[in-house]
């Protein structure tokens, strides 16, 4: 089984990795750290690739970029981990990975929003909670 740390580029990402590491050690499970490139980040990467190489980035290159971000975020942890990179709808990709890879827990960051903010802008954390079949540990951060 696997404990999955779902990270973004926020300051809270390191805390998410550490909480997932702690859970993985308690349950004697493997730690995976996933970063999902959003559609906007994907488009930005495509533009850069076209500007630099004259062609679009391959799917493998996009996943490798996301994996490198996950690896960079998790690099300070004292445990072994597997970096994972995906792209697309952030909540859906996290949930899909969790549901298809023997994940026992997902650890994800969240931020406090007003009900109107959630309704208008959506919430990755809320979507993961609803779409994932395994327990989700949420670290809340009101400073974002």
Protein backbone atom coordinates (compact mmCIF):
# COMPACT_ATOMS: atom_id res chain seq x y z
CA UNK A 1 0.00 0.00 0.00
CA UNK A 2 0.97 3.64 -0.50
CA UNK A 3 0.53 6.97 1.28
CA UNK A 4 0.11 9.72 -1.32
CA UNK A 5 1.20 13.32 -0.70
CA UNK A 6 -0.52 15.62 -3.20
CA UNK A 7 1.57 18.78 -3.53
CA UNK A 8 1.47 22.09 -5.32
CA UNK A 9 4.02 24.89 -5.31
CA UNK A 10 2.69 26.56 -2.15
CA UNK A 11 4.60 27.00 1.10
CA UNK A 12 2.32 24.36 2.60
CA UNK A 13 3.63 21.62 0.28
CA UNK A 14 6.56 20.72 2.54
CA UNK A 15 4.17 20.26 5.49
CA UNK A 16 2.01 17.97 3.33
CA UNK A 17 5.05 15.82 2.49
CA UNK A 18 6.11 15.64 6.14
CA UNK A 19 2.62 14.64 7.31
CA UNK A 20 2.47 11.97 4.60
CA UNK A 21 5.96 10.77 5.55
CA UNK A 22 4.86 10.46 9.17
CA UNK A 23 1.76 8.49 8.15
CA UNK A 24 3.79 6.25 5.84
CA UNK A 25 6.21 5.45 8.65
CA UNK A 26 3.37 4.72 11.10
CA UNK A 27 1.69 2.36 8.66
CA UNK A 28 4.94 0.97 7.23
CA UNK A 29 3.90 1.93 3.71
CA UNK A 30 5.61 3.47 0.71
CA UNK A 31 5.44 7.25 0.21
CA UNK A 32 4.50 8.69 -3.19
CA UNK A 33 4.57 12.44 -3.84
CA UNK A 34 2.40 13.63 -6.74
CA UNK A 35 2.37 16.99 -8.49
CA UNK A 36 -0.21 17.62 -11.20
CA UNK A 37 0.45 20.32 -13.77
CA UNK A 38 -2.75 22.29 -14.23
CA UNK A 39 -4.07 23.08 -17.69
CA UNK A 40 -2.64 26.61 -17.43
CA UNK A 41 0.81 25.29 -16.47
CA UNK A 42 0.57 22.79 -19.33
CA UNK A 43 -0.23 25.56 -21.84
CA UNK A 44 2.68 27.64 -20.52
CA UNK A 45 5.00 24.64 -20.89
CA UNK A 46 3.77 24.07 -24.45
CA UNK A 47 4.45 27.69 -25.38
CA UNK A 48 7.95 27.48 -23.95
CA UNK A 49 8.62 24.23 -25.79
CA UNK A 50 7.41 25.67 -29.10
CA UNK A 51 9.50 28.82 -28.59
CA UNK A 52 12.64 26.83 -27.72
CA UNK A 53 12.38 23.76 -29.96
CA UNK A 54 9.86 24.71 -32.62
CA UNK A 55 7.55 21.88 -31.55
CA UNK A 56 5.27 20.86 -28.72
CA UNK A 57 6.48 18.99 -25.66
CA UNK A 58 5.78 15.27 -25.60
CA UNK A 59 3.48 13.78 -22.98
CA UNK A 60 6.54 12.14 -21.41
CA UNK A 61 8.28 15.52 -21.17
CA UNK A 62 5.22 17.07 -19.52
CA UNK A 63 4.99 14.25 -16.98
CA UNK A 64 8.75 14.48 -16.37
CA UNK A 65 8.41 18.20 -15.64
CA UNK A 66 5.63 17.53 -13.12
CA UNK A 67 7.64 14.68 -11.60
CA UNK A 68 10.67 16.97 -11.23
CA UNK A 69 8.52 19.48 -9.35
CA UNK A 70 7.28 16.72 -7.01
CA UNK A 71 10.86 15.55 -6.50
CA UNK A 72 12.09 19.06 -5.74
CA UNK A 73 9.32 19.65 -3.19
CA UNK A 74 9.92 16.31 -1.44
CA UNK A 75 13.72 16.44 -1.55
CA UNK A 76 14.05 17.65 2.05
CA UNK A 77 12.19 14.69 3.55
CA UNK A 78 14.24 12.14 5.44
CA UNK A 79 12.43 9.15 3.96
CA UNK A 80 12.53 7.45 0.60
CA UNK A 81 9.74 8.44 -1.74
CA UNK A 82 8.56 8.01 -5.30
CA UNK A 83 7.95 11.27 -7.20
CA UNK A 84 4.95 11.19 -9.54
CA UNK A 85 4.08 13.68 -12.26
CA UNK A 86 0.75 14.05 -14.03
CA UNK A 87 -1.10 16.79 -15.91
CA UNK A 88 -4.71 17.81 -16.43
CA UNK A 89 -7.50 18.48 -13.97
CA UNK A 90 -5.65 18.54 -10.66
CA UNK A 91 -8.36 17.02 -8.46
CA UNK A 92 -9.30 14.35 -11.00
CA UNK A 93 -5.70 13.27 -11.58
CA UNK A 94 -5.00 13.01 -7.83
CA UNK A 95 -8.19 11.02 -7.27
CA UNK A 96 -7.54 8.78 -10.25
CA UNK A 97 -4.01 8.03 -9.07
CA UNK A 98 -5.25 7.29 -5.55
CA UNK A 99 -8.06 5.04 -6.76
CA UNK A 100 -5.85 3.08 -9.19
CA UNK A 101 -2.59 2.59 -7.23
CA UNK A 102 -3.35 0.87 -3.92
CA UNK A 103 -3.22 4.16 -2.02
CA UNK A 104 -4.35 3.85 1.60
CA UNK A 105 -4.30 7.58 2.48
CA UNK A 106 -4.09 10.86 0.58
CA UNK A 107 -2.55 13.87 2.31
CA UNK A 108 -3.40 17.22 0.74
CA UNK A 109 -3.22 20.87 1.70
CA UNK A 110 -6.19 23.16 1.81
CA UNK A 111 -6.99 26.74 2.48
CA UNK A 112 -9.93 28.34 4.15
CA UNK A 113 -12.35 29.92 1.71
CA UNK A 114 -15.74 31.46 2.04
CA UNK A 115 -18.67 29.36 0.83
CA UNK A 116 -19.07 31.79 -2.08
CA UNK A 117 -15.39 31.40 -2.99
CA UNK A 118 -15.77 27.62 -3.05
CA UNK A 119 -18.91 27.82 -5.17
CA UNK A 120 -17.43 30.25 -7.68
CA UNK A 121 -13.87 28.97 -7.95
CA UNK A 122 -14.23 25.34 -6.85
CA UNK A 123 -11.87 23.57 -4.53
CA UNK A 124 -9.27 20.96 -5.40
CA UNK A 125 -9.30 19.69 -1.83
CA UNK A 126 -13.09 19.40 -1.76
CA UNK A 127 -13.13 17.55 -5.09
CA UNK A 128 -10.44 15.12 -3.92
CA UNK A 129 -12.43 14.47 -0.74
CA UNK A 130 -15.52 13.67 -2.82
CA UNK A 131 -13.86 11.69 -5.64
CA UNK A 132 -11.34 9.59 -3.73
CA UNK A 133 -12.29 6.20 -2.31
CA UNK A 134 -9.68 6.29 0.48
CA UNK A 135 -9.31 8.47 3.58
CA UNK A 136 -8.02 11.99 2.88
CA UNK A 137 -5.98 13.88 5.47
CA UNK A 138 -6.31 17.62 4.94
CA UNK A 139 -3.87 20.19 6.32
CA UNK A 140 -5.64 23.52 6.47
CA UNK A 141 -3.82 26.81 6.04
CA UNK A 142 -5.72 30.04 6.50
CA UNK A 143 -2.74 32.22 5.50
CA UNK A 144 -3.11 31.62 1.76
